PDB file of N, CA and C in Angstrom:
ATOM      1  N   SER A   1      34.982 136.208 276.375  1.00  0.00           N
ATOM      2  CA  SER A   1      34.025 135.298 275.782  1.00  0.00           C
ATOM      3  C   SER A   1      32.851 136.070 275.174  1.00  0.00           C
ATOM      4  N   LYS A   2      32.357 137.075 275.912  1.00  0.00           N
ATOM      5  CA  LYS A   2      31.249 137.876 275.386  1.00  0.00           C
ATOM      6  C   LYS A   2      31.687 138.683 274.167  1.00  0.00           C
ATOM      7  N   ASP A   3      32.936 139.188 274.196  1.00  0.00           N
ATOM      8  CA  ASP A   3      33.442 139.953 273.058  1.00  0.00           C
ATOM      9  C   ASP A   3      33.539 139.074 271.811  1.00  0.00           C
ATOM     10  N   LEU A   4      34.048 137.863 271.986  1.00  0.00           N
ATOM     11  CA  LEU A   4      34.178 136.941 270.866  1.00  0.00           C
ATOM     12  C   LEU A   4      32.809 136.547 270.329  1.00  0.00           C
ATOM     13  N   LYS A   5      31.878 136.287 271.230  1.00  0.00           N
ATOM     14  CA  LYS A   5      30.524 135.919 270.830  1.00  0.00           C
ATOM     15  C   LYS A   5      29.860 137.079 270.084  1.00  0.00           C
ATOM     16  N   GLY A   6      30.051 138.293 270.568  1.00  0.00           N
ATOM     17  CA  GLY A   6      29.488 139.468 269.898  1.00  0.00           C
ATOM     18  C   GLY A   6      30.088 139.676 268.521  1.00  0.00           C
ATOM     19  N   ALA A   7      31.396 139.489 268.416  1.00  0.00           N
ATOM     20  CA  ALA A   7      32.066 139.634 267.122  1.00  0.00           C
ATOM     21  C   ALA A   7      31.567 138.579 266.144  1.00  0.00           C
ATOM     22  N   MET A   8      31.343 137.356 266.633  1.00  0.00           N
ATOM     23  CA  MET A   8      30.841 136.284 265.779  1.00  0.00           C
ATOM     24  C   MET A   8      29.444 136.613 265.289  1.00  0.00           C
ATOM     25  N   GLU A   9      28.600 137.151 266.151  1.00  0.00           N
ATOM     26  CA  GLU A   9      27.239 137.526 265.756  1.00  0.00           C
ATOM     27  C   GLU A   9      27.271 138.592 264.662  1.00  0.00           C
ATOM     28  N   ILE A  10      28.188 139.544 264.781  1.00  0.00           N
ATOM     29  CA  ILE A  10      28.326 140.593 263.764  1.00  0.00           C
ATOM     30  C   ILE A  10      28.752 139.985 262.433  1.00  0.00           C
ATOM     31  N   LEU A  11      29.739 139.082 262.459  1.00  0.00           N
ATOM     32  CA  LEU A  11      30.209 138.442 261.228  1.00  0.00           C
ATOM     33  C   LEU A  11      29.103 137.626 260.561  1.00  0.00           C
ATOM     34  N   ILE A  12      28.333 136.906 261.363  1.00  0.00           N
ATOM     35  CA  ILE A  12      27.245 136.094 260.811  1.00  0.00           C
ATOM     36  C   ILE A  12      26.180 137.003 260.199  1.00  0.00           C
ATOM     37  N   GLU A  13      25.884 138.093 260.857  1.00  0.00           N
ATOM     38  CA  GLU A  13      24.894 139.033 260.311  1.00  0.00           C
ATOM     39  C   GLU A  13      25.392 139.642 259.004  1.00  0.00           C
ATOM     40  N   GLN A  14      26.673 139.972 258.936  1.00  0.00           N
ATOM     41  CA  GLN A  14      27.242 140.489 257.682  1.00  0.00           C
ATOM     42  C   GLN A  14      27.125 139.454 256.572  1.00  0.00           C
ATOM     43  N   LYS A  15      27.390 138.193 256.901  1.00  0.00           N
ATOM     44  CA  LYS A  15      27.268 137.107 255.921  1.00  0.00           C
ATOM     45  C   LYS A  15      25.812 136.968 255.482  1.00  0.00           C
ATOM     46  N   ARG A  16      24.893 137.060 256.429  1.00  0.00           N
ATOM     47  CA  ARG A  16      23.465 136.952 256.127  1.00  0.00           C
ATOM     48  C   ARG A  16      23.037 138.065 255.162  1.00  0.00           C
ATOM     49  N   GLN A  17      23.498 139.285 255.416  1.00  0.00           N
ATOM     50  CA  GLN A  17      23.167 140.413 254.536  1.00  0.00           C
ATOM     51  C   GLN A  17      23.759 140.219 253.148  1.00  0.00           C
ATOM     52  N   LYS A  18      24.992 139.725 253.082  1.00  0.00           N
ATOM     53  CA  LYS A  18      25.628 139.486 251.790  1.00  0.00           C
ATOM     54  C   LYS A  18      24.848 138.446 251.000  1.00  0.00           C
ATOM     55  N   LEU A  19      24.410 137.385 251.671  1.00  0.00           N
ATOM     56  CA  LEU A  19      23.648 136.332 251.001  1.00  0.00           C
ATOM     57  C   LEU A  19      22.324 136.863 250.450  1.00  0.00           C
ATOM     58  N   SER A  20      21.751 137.841 251.137  1.00  0.00           N
ATOM     59  CA  SER A  20      20.458 138.367 250.686  1.00  0.00           C
ATOM     60  C   SER A  20      20.585 139.256 249.451  1.00  0.00           C
ATOM     61  N   THR A  21      21.810 139.664 249.101  1.00  0.00           N
ATOM     62  CA  THR A  21      21.989 140.571 247.967  1.00  0.00           C
ATOM     63  C   THR A  21      22.664 139.933 246.761  1.00  0.00           C
ATOM     64  N   VAL A  22      23.174 138.708 246.903  1.00  0.00           N
ATOM     65  CA  VAL A  22      23.884 138.089 245.783  1.00  0.00           C
ATOM     66  C   VAL A  22      22.895 137.575 244.742  1.00  0.00           C
ATOM     67  N   GLU A  23      23.323 137.597 243.495  1.00  0.00           N
ATOM     68  CA  GLU A  23      22.469 137.110 242.408  1.00  0.00           C
ATOM     69  C   GLU A  23      22.558 135.599 242.255  1.00  0.00           C
ATOM     70  N   LYS A  24      23.783 135.055 242.360  1.00  0.00           N
ATOM     71  CA  LYS A  24      23.978 133.609 242.195  1.00  0.00           C
ATOM     72  C   LYS A  24      24.410 133.014 243.526  1.00  0.00           C
ATOM     73  N   LEU A  25      23.494 132.336 244.179  1.00  0.00           N
ATOM     74  CA  LEU A  25      23.802 131.752 245.484  1.00  0.00           C
ATOM     75  C   LEU A  25      24.845 130.656 245.409  1.00  0.00           C
ATOM     76  N   ASP A  26      24.866 129.888 244.321  1.00  0.00           N
ATOM     77  CA  ASP A  26      25.771 128.745 244.254  1.00  0.00           C
ATOM     78  C   ASP A  26      27.236 129.146 244.370  1.00  0.00           C
ATOM     79  N   GLU A  27      27.581 130.391 244.065  1.00  0.00           N
ATOM     80  CA  GLU A  27      28.965 130.855 244.182  1.00  0.00           C
ATOM     81  C   GLU A  27      29.326 131.228 245.627  1.00  0.00           C
ATOM     82  N   HIS A  28      28.330 131.293 246.489  1.00  0.00           N
ATOM     83  CA  HIS A  28      28.561 131.729 247.872  1.00  0.00           C
ATOM     84  C   HIS A  28      28.099 130.689 248.892  1.00  0.00           C
ATOM     85  N   MET A  29      27.918 129.447 248.467  1.00  0.00           N
ATOM     86  CA  MET A  29      27.379 128.429 249.367  1.00  0.00           C
ATOM     87  C   MET A  29      28.498 127.688 250.106  1.00  0.00           C
ATOM     88  N   ASP A  30      29.008 128.307 251.135  1.00  0.00           N
ATOM     89  CA  ASP A  30      29.985 127.665 251.997  1.00  0.00           C
ATOM     90  C   ASP A  30      29.264 127.123 253.235  1.00  0.00           C
ATOM     91  N   PHE A  31      30.020 126.606 254.172  1.00  0.00           N
ATOM     92  CA  PHE A  31      29.412 125.990 255.351  1.00  0.00           C
ATOM     93  C   PHE A  31      28.620 127.002 256.174  1.00  0.00           C
ATOM     94  N   ALA A  32      29.147 128.213 256.333  1.00  0.00           N
ATOM     95  CA  ALA A  32      28.430 129.240 257.094  1.00  0.00           C
ATOM     96  C   ALA A  32      27.100 129.569 256.418  1.00  0.00           C
ATOM     97  N   SER A  33      27.106 129.623 255.097  1.00  0.00           N
ATOM     98  CA  SER A  33      25.856 129.886 254.360  1.00  0.00           C
ATOM     99  C   SER A  33      24.841 128.778 254.602  1.00  0.00           C
ATOM    100  N   GLN A  34      25.315 127.546 254.578  1.00  0.00           N
ATOM    101  CA  GLN A  34      24.423 126.409 254.830  1.00  0.00           C
ATOM    102  C   GLN A  34      23.809 126.500 256.223  1.00  0.00           C
ATOM    103  N   LEU A  35      24.610 126.912 257.195  1.00  0.00           N
ATOM    104  CA  LEU A  35      24.095 127.076 258.560  1.00  0.00           C
ATOM    105  C   LEU A  35      23.030 128.160 258.616  1.00  0.00           C
ATOM    106  N   ILE A  36      23.285 129.272 257.953  1.00  0.00           N
ATOM    107  CA  ILE A  36      22.319 130.381 257.942  1.00  0.00           C
ATOM    108  C   ILE A  36      21.006 129.936 257.304  1.00  0.00           C
ATOM    109  N   PHE A  37      21.077 129.211 256.192  1.00  0.00           N
ATOM    110  CA  PHE A  37      19.855 128.733 255.547  1.00  0.00           C
ATOM    111  C   PHE A  37      19.130 127.703 256.407  1.00  0.00           C
ATOM    112  N   ALA A  38      19.887 126.889 257.141  1.00  0.00           N
ATOM    113  CA  ALA A  38      19.260 125.930 258.060  1.00  0.00           C
ATOM    114  C   ALA A  38      18.508 126.682 259.158  1.00  0.00           C
ATOM    115  N   GLN A  39      19.070 127.795 259.621  1.00  0.00           N
ATOM    116  CA  GLN A  39      18.366 128.615 260.612  1.00  0.00           C
ATOM    117  C   GLN A  39      17.111 129.227 259.996  1.00  0.00           C
ATOM    118  N   ASN A  40      17.210 129.711 258.753  1.00  0.00           N
ATOM    119  CA  ASN A  40      16.048 130.303 258.083  1.00  0.00           C
ATOM    120  C   ASN A  40      14.908 129.284 257.935  1.00  0.00           C
ATOM    121  N   ARG A  41      15.258 128.010 257.717  1.00  0.00           N
ATOM    122  CA  ARG A  41      14.253 126.950 257.583  1.00  0.00           C
ATOM    123  C   ARG A  41      13.698 126.521 258.939  1.00  0.00           C
ATOM    124  N   GLY A  42      14.357 126.933 260.017  1.00  0.00           N
ATOM    125  CA  GLY A  42      13.917 126.530 261.349  1.00  0.00           C
ATOM    126  C   GLY A  42      14.594 125.279 261.860  1.00  0.00           C
ATOM    127  N   ASP A  43      15.602 124.782 261.114  1.00  0.00           N
ATOM    128  CA  ASP A  43      16.313 123.574 261.541  1.00  0.00           C
ATOM    129  C   ASP A  43      17.312 123.849 262.655  1.00  0.00           C
ATOM    130  N   LEU A  44      17.829 125.064 262.716  1.00  0.00           N
ATOM    131  CA  LEU A  44      18.791 125.477 263.740  1.00  0.00           C
ATOM    132  C   LEU A  44      18.343 126.792 264.360  1.00  0.00           C
ATOM    133  N   THR A  45      18.801 127.017 265.586  1.00  0.00           N
ATOM    134  CA  THR A  45      18.563 128.311 266.218  1.00  0.00           C
ATOM    135  C   THR A  45      19.738 129.236 265.917  1.00  0.00           C
ATOM    136  N   ALA A  46      19.562 130.520 266.184  1.00  0.00           N
ATOM    137  CA  ALA A  46      20.658 131.476 266.014  1.00  0.00           C
ATOM    138  C   ALA A  46      21.839 131.085 266.893  1.00  0.00           C
ATOM    139  N   GLU A  47      21.558 130.584 268.084  1.00  0.00           N
ATOM    140  CA  GLU A  47      22.621 130.147 268.998  1.00  0.00           C
ATOM    141  C   GLU A  47      23.394 128.960 268.412  1.00  0.00           C
ATOM    142  N   ASN A  48      22.682 128.026 267.770  1.00  0.00           N
ATOM    143  CA  ASN A  48      23.336 126.887 267.109  1.00  0.00           C
ATOM    144  C   ASN A  48      24.296 127.370 266.037  1.00  0.00           C
ATOM    145  N   VAL A  49      23.847 128.304 265.210  1.00  0.00           N
ATOM    146  CA  VAL A  49      24.671 128.833 264.127  1.00  0.00           C
ATOM    147  C   VAL A  49      25.901 129.529 264.697  1.00  0.00           C
ATOM    148  N   ASN A  50      25.693 130.387 265.695  1.00  0.00           N
ATOM    149  CA  ASN A  50      26.806 131.104 266.316  1.00  0.00           C
ATOM    150  C   ASN A  50      27.830 130.133 266.896  1.00  0.00           C
ATOM    151  N   GLN A  51      27.356 129.092 267.575  1.00  0.00           N
ATOM    152  CA  GLN A  51      28.258 128.126 268.209  1.00  0.00           C
ATOM    153  C   GLN A  51      29.056 127.345 267.161  1.00  0.00           C
ATOM    154  N   CYS A  52      28.398 126.930 266.087  1.00  0.00           N
ATOM    155  CA  CYS A  52      29.099 126.190 265.021  1.00  0.00           C
ATOM    156  C   CYS A  52      30.195 127.033 264.389  1.00  0.00           C
ATOM    157  N   VAL A  53      29.876 128.282 264.075  1.00  0.00           N
ATOM    158  CA  VAL A  53      30.857 129.164 263.439  1.00  0.00           C
ATOM    159  C   VAL A  53      32.003 129.448 264.414  1.00  0.00           C
ATOM    160  N   LEU A  54      31.673 129.697 265.666  1.00  0.00           N
ATOM    161  CA  LEU A  54      32.700 129.951 266.677  1.00  0.00           C
ATOM    162  C   LEU A  54      33.636 128.753 266.815  1.00  0.00           C
ATOM    163  N   GLU A  55      33.088 127.554 266.859  1.00  0.00           N
ATOM    164  CA  GLU A  55      33.919 126.356 266.984  1.00  0.00           C
ATOM    165  C   GLU A  55      34.811 126.177 265.765  1.00  0.00           C
ATOM    166  N   MET A  56      34.305 126.494 264.577  1.00  0.00           N
ATOM    167  CA  MET A  56      35.146 126.398 263.384  1.00  0.00           C
ATOM    168  C   MET A  56      36.310 127.378 263.475  1.00  0.00           C
ATOM    169  N   MET A  57      36.041 128.581 263.936  1.00  0.00           N
ATOM    170  CA  MET A  57      37.084 129.604 264.021  1.00  0.00           C
ATOM    171  C   MET A  57      38.139 129.242 265.060  1.00  0.00           C
ATOM    172  N   ILE A  58      37.718 128.666 266.159  1.00  0.00           N
ATOM    173  CA  ILE A  58      38.655 128.330 267.235  1.00  0.00           C
ATOM    174  C   ILE A  58      39.441 127.069 266.907  1.00  0.00           C
ATOM    175  N   ALA A  59      38.784 126.063 266.341  1.00  0.00           N
ATOM    176  CA  ALA A  59      39.431 124.767 266.090  1.00  0.00           C
ATOM    177  C   ALA A  59      40.384 124.814 264.909  1.00  0.00           C
ATOM    178  N   ALA A  60      40.081 125.589 263.902  1.00  0.00           N
ATOM    179  CA  ALA A  60      40.863 125.565 262.662  1.00  0.00           C
ATOM    180  C   ALA A  60      42.352 125.853 262.869  1.00  0.00           C
ATOM    181  N   PRO A  61      42.740 126.906 263.592  1.00  0.00           N
ATOM    182  CA  PRO A  61      44.180 127.172 263.720  1.00  0.00           C
ATOM    183  C   PRO A  61      44.947 126.033 264.398  1.00  0.00           C
ATOM    184  N   ASP A  62      44.340 125.395 265.374  1.00  0.00           N
ATOM    185  CA  ASP A  62      45.014 124.305 266.082  1.00  0.00           C
ATOM    186  C   ASP A  62      45.207 123.099 265.169  1.00  0.00           C
ATOM    187  N   THR A  63      44.160 122.679 264.494  1.00  0.00           N
ATOM    188  CA  THR A  63      44.286 121.515 263.621  1.00  0.00           C
ATOM    189  C   THR A  63      45.181 121.812 262.433  1.00  0.00           C
ATOM    190  N   LEU A  64      45.124 123.030 261.935  1.00  0.00           N
ATOM    191  CA  LEU A  64      45.974 123.408 260.807  1.00  0.00           C
ATOM    192  C   LEU A  64      47.444 123.379 261.209  1.00  0.00           C
ATOM    193  N   SER A  65      47.758 123.907 262.384  1.00  0.00           N
ATOM    194  CA  SER A  65      49.158 123.940 262.801  1.00  0.00           C
ATOM    195  C   SER A  65      49.717 122.537 263.002  1.00  0.00           C
ATOM    196  N   VAL A  66      48.924 121.621 263.567  1.00  0.00           N
ATOM    197  CA  VAL A  66      49.371 120.239 263.751  1.00  0.00           C
ATOM    198  C   VAL A  66      49.568 119.565 262.396  1.00  0.00           C
ATOM    199  N   THR A  67      48.635 119.768 261.480  1.00  0.00           N
ATOM    200  CA  THR A  67      48.737 119.185 260.140  1.00  0.00           C
ATOM    201  C   THR A  67      49.977 119.687 259.417  1.00  0.00           C
ATOM    202  N   LEU A  68      50.216 120.995 259.461  1.00  0.00           N
ATOM    203  CA  LEU A  68      51.398 121.557 258.804  1.00  0.00           C
ATOM    204  C   LEU A  68      52.683 121.035 259.423  1.00  0.00           C
ATOM    205  N   PHE A  69      52.717 120.917 260.741  1.00  0.00           N
ATOM    206  CA  PHE A  69      53.892 120.403 261.439  1.00  0.00           C
ATOM    207  C   PHE A  69      54.250 119.005 260.928  1.00  0.00           C
ATOM    208  N   PHE A  70      53.260 118.106 260.897  1.00  0.00           N
ATOM    209  CA  PHE A  70      53.529 116.745 260.451  1.00  0.00           C
ATOM    210  C   PHE A  70      53.844 116.692 258.962  1.00  0.00           C
ATOM    211  N   MET A  71      53.212 117.544 258.170  1.00  0.00           N
ATOM    212  CA  MET A  71      53.521 117.597 256.741  1.00  0.00           C
ATOM    213  C   MET A  71      54.982 117.994 256.529  1.00  0.00           C
ATOM    214  N   LEU A  72      55.448 118.984 257.259  1.00  0.00           N
ATOM    215  CA  LEU A  72      56.832 119.430 257.123  1.00  0.00           C
ATOM    216  C   LEU A  72      57.819 118.353 257.583  1.00  0.00           C
ATOM    217  N   ILE A  73      57.484 117.645 258.643  1.00  0.00           N
ATOM    218  CA  ILE A  73      58.343 116.547 259.104  1.00  0.00           C
ATOM    219  C   ILE A  73      58.436 115.467 258.024  1.00  0.00           C
ATOM    220  N   LEU A  74      57.292 115.098 257.445  1.00  0.00           N
ATOM    221  CA  LEU A  74      57.290 114.068 256.405  1.00  0.00           C
ATOM    222  C   LEU A  74      58.079 114.510 255.177  1.00  0.00           C
ATOM    223  N   ILE A  75      57.948 115.769 254.801  1.00  0.00           N
ATOM    224  CA  ILE A  75      58.717 116.287 253.666  1.00  0.00           C
ATOM    225  C   ILE A  75      60.212 116.219 253.979  1.00  0.00           C
ATOM    226  N   ALA A  76      60.594 116.619 255.190  1.00  0.00           N
ATOM    227  CA  ALA A  76      62.007 116.589 255.575  1.00  0.00           C
ATOM    228  C   ALA A  76      62.563 115.163 255.579  1.00  0.00           C
ATOM    229  N   GLU A  77      61.731 114.197 255.904  1.00  0.00           N
ATOM    230  CA  GLU A  77      62.176 112.797 255.941  1.00  0.00           C
ATOM    231  C   GLU A  77      62.219 112.151 254.558  1.00  0.00           C
ATOM    232  N   HIS A  78      61.660 112.798 253.551  1.00  0.00           N
ATOM    233  CA  HIS A  78      61.604 112.240 252.196  1.00  0.00           C
ATOM    234  C   HIS A  78      62.117 113.271 251.192  1.00  0.00           C
ATOM    235  N   PRO A  79      63.455 113.384 251.064  1.00  0.00           N
ATOM    236  CA  PRO A  79      64.045 114.409 250.201  1.00  0.00           C
ATOM    237  C   PRO A  79      63.629 114.309 248.732  1.00  0.00           C
ATOM    238  N   THR A  80      63.348 113.113 248.250  1.00  0.00           N
ATOM    239  CA  THR A  80      62.929 113.010 246.841  1.00  0.00           C
ATOM    240  C   THR A  80      61.550 113.632 246.637  1.00  0.00           C
ATOM    241  N   VAL A  81      60.689 113.490 247.622  1.00  0.00           N
ATOM    242  CA  VAL A  81      59.369 114.129 247.555  1.00  0.00           C
ATOM    243  C   VAL A  81      59.537 115.646 247.597  1.00  0.00           C
ATOM    244  N   GLU A  82      60.443 116.116 248.459  1.00  0.00           N
ATOM    245  CA  GLU A  82      60.707 117.553 248.541  1.00  0.00           C
ATOM    246  C   GLU A  82      61.199 118.084 247.194  1.00  0.00           C
ATOM    247  N   GLU A  83      62.097 117.347 246.556  1.00  0.00           N
ATOM    248  CA  GLU A  83      62.605 117.777 245.247  1.00  0.00           C
ATOM    249  C   GLU A  83      61.486 117.836 244.214  1.00  0.00           C
ATOM    250  N   GLU A  84      60.608 116.833 244.224  1.00  0.00           N
ATOM    251  CA  GLU A  84      59.476 116.828 243.294  1.00  0.00           C
ATOM    252  C   GLU A  84      58.554 118.020 243.554  1.00  0.00           C
ATOM    253  N   MET A  85      58.330 118.321 244.821  1.00  0.00           N
ATOM    254  CA  MET A  85      57.481 119.462 245.176  1.00  0.00           C
ATOM    255  C   MET A  85      58.104 120.772 244.685  1.00  0.00           C
ATOM    256  N   MET A  86      59.409 120.893 244.863  1.00  0.00           N
ATOM    257  CA  MET A  86      60.080 122.116 244.423  1.00  0.00           C
ATOM    258  C   MET A  86      60.021 122.261 242.906  1.00  0.00           C
ATOM    259  N   ARG A  87      60.160 121.141 242.190  1.00  0.00           N
ATOM    260  CA  ARG A  87      60.027 121.187 240.725  1.00  0.00           C
ATOM    261  C   ARG A  87      58.620 121.641 240.338  1.00  0.00           C
ATOM    262  N   GLU A  88      57.637 121.130 241.026  1.00  0.00           N
ATOM    263  CA  GLU A  88      56.247 121.509 240.746  1.00  0.00           C
ATOM    264  C   GLU A  88      56.026 123.002 241.018  1.00  0.00           C
ATOM    265  N   ILE A  89      56.561 123.486 242.123  1.00  0.00           N
ATOM    266  CA  ILE A  89      56.445 124.915 242.448  1.00  0.00           C
ATOM    267  C   ILE A  89      57.120 125.740 241.365  1.00  0.00           C
ATOM    268  N   ASP A  90      58.309 125.333 240.957  1.00  0.00           N
ATOM    269  CA  ASP A  90      59.025 126.050 239.899  1.00  0.00           C
ATOM    270  C   ASP A  90      58.234 126.045 238.594  1.00  0.00           C
ATOM    271  N   THR A  91      57.614 124.902 238.282  1.00  0.00           N
ATOM    272  CA  THR A  91      56.835 124.796 237.050  1.00  0.00           C
ATOM    273  C   THR A  91      55.620 125.720 237.089  1.00  0.00           C
ATOM    274  N   VAL A  92      54.918 125.718 238.188  1.00  0.00           N
ATOM    275  CA  VAL A  92      53.688 126.496 238.303  1.00  0.00           C
ATOM    276  C   VAL A  92      53.966 127.980 238.549  1.00  0.00           C
ATOM    277  N   MET A  93      54.880 128.264 239.439  1.00  0.00           N
ATOM    278  CA  MET A  93      55.120 129.652 239.852  1.00  0.00           C
ATOM    279  C   MET A  93      56.272 130.309 239.095  1.00  0.00           C
ATOM    280  N   GLY A  94      57.157 129.536 238.541  1.00  0.00           N
ATOM    281  CA  GLY A  94      58.360 130.088 237.926  1.00  0.00           C
ATOM    282  C   GLY A  94      59.479 130.131 238.922  1.00  0.00           C
ATOM    283  N   LYS A  95      60.689 129.987 238.458  1.00  0.00           N
ATOM    284  CA  LYS A  95      61.852 129.918 239.362  1.00  0.00           C
ATOM    285  C   LYS A  95      62.019 131.166 240.213  1.00  0.00           C
ATOM    286  N   GLN A  96      61.708 132.343 239.655  1.00  0.00           N
ATOM    287  CA  GLN A  96      61.897 133.575 240.420  1.00  0.00           C
ATOM    288  C   GLN A  96      60.959 133.683 241.605  1.00  0.00           C
ATOM    289  N   LYS A  97      59.846 132.926 241.607  1.00  0.00           N
ATOM    290  CA  LYS A  97      58.894 133.001 242.711  1.00  0.00           C
ATOM    291  C   LYS A  97      58.970 131.788 243.621  1.00  0.00           C
ATOM    292  N   SER A  98      59.939 130.934 243.404  1.00  0.00           N
ATOM    293  CA  SER A  98      60.080 129.729 244.172  1.00  0.00           C
ATOM    294  C   SER A  98      60.305 130.065 245.646  1.00  0.00           C
ATOM    295  N   LEU A  99      59.856 129.169 246.540  1.00  0.00           N
ATOM    296  CA  LEU A  99      60.014 129.388 247.976  1.00  0.00           C
ATOM    297  C   LEU A  99      61.422 129.190 248.455  1.00  0.00           C
ATOM    298  N   MET A 100      62.229 128.410 247.733  1.00  0.00           N
ATOM    299  CA  MET A 100      63.589 128.131 248.174  1.00  0.00           C
ATOM    300  C   MET A 100      64.581 128.693 247.172  1.00  0.00           C
TER     301      MET A 100
END
């Protein structure tokens, strides 16, 4: 837990340093950036920012895996949708780069 918390603090500090050197902030305004600016304004503490980022990192893989699982089941249950998706992939990526 301490190792993960320390690693998160390092990542947030790296993000903070990057934000201080960019010319156009609007290209780098993601959720972590918003949290850092909220801390700079005094709306959040450093601990709040660390906890939010940590929760995003931990929660994302679980929710993503469940979402992908159900998406794949739905695709398998609807072959016409799968065919349309494959046509779209072929159109965008080209047949040689198709997944199937």
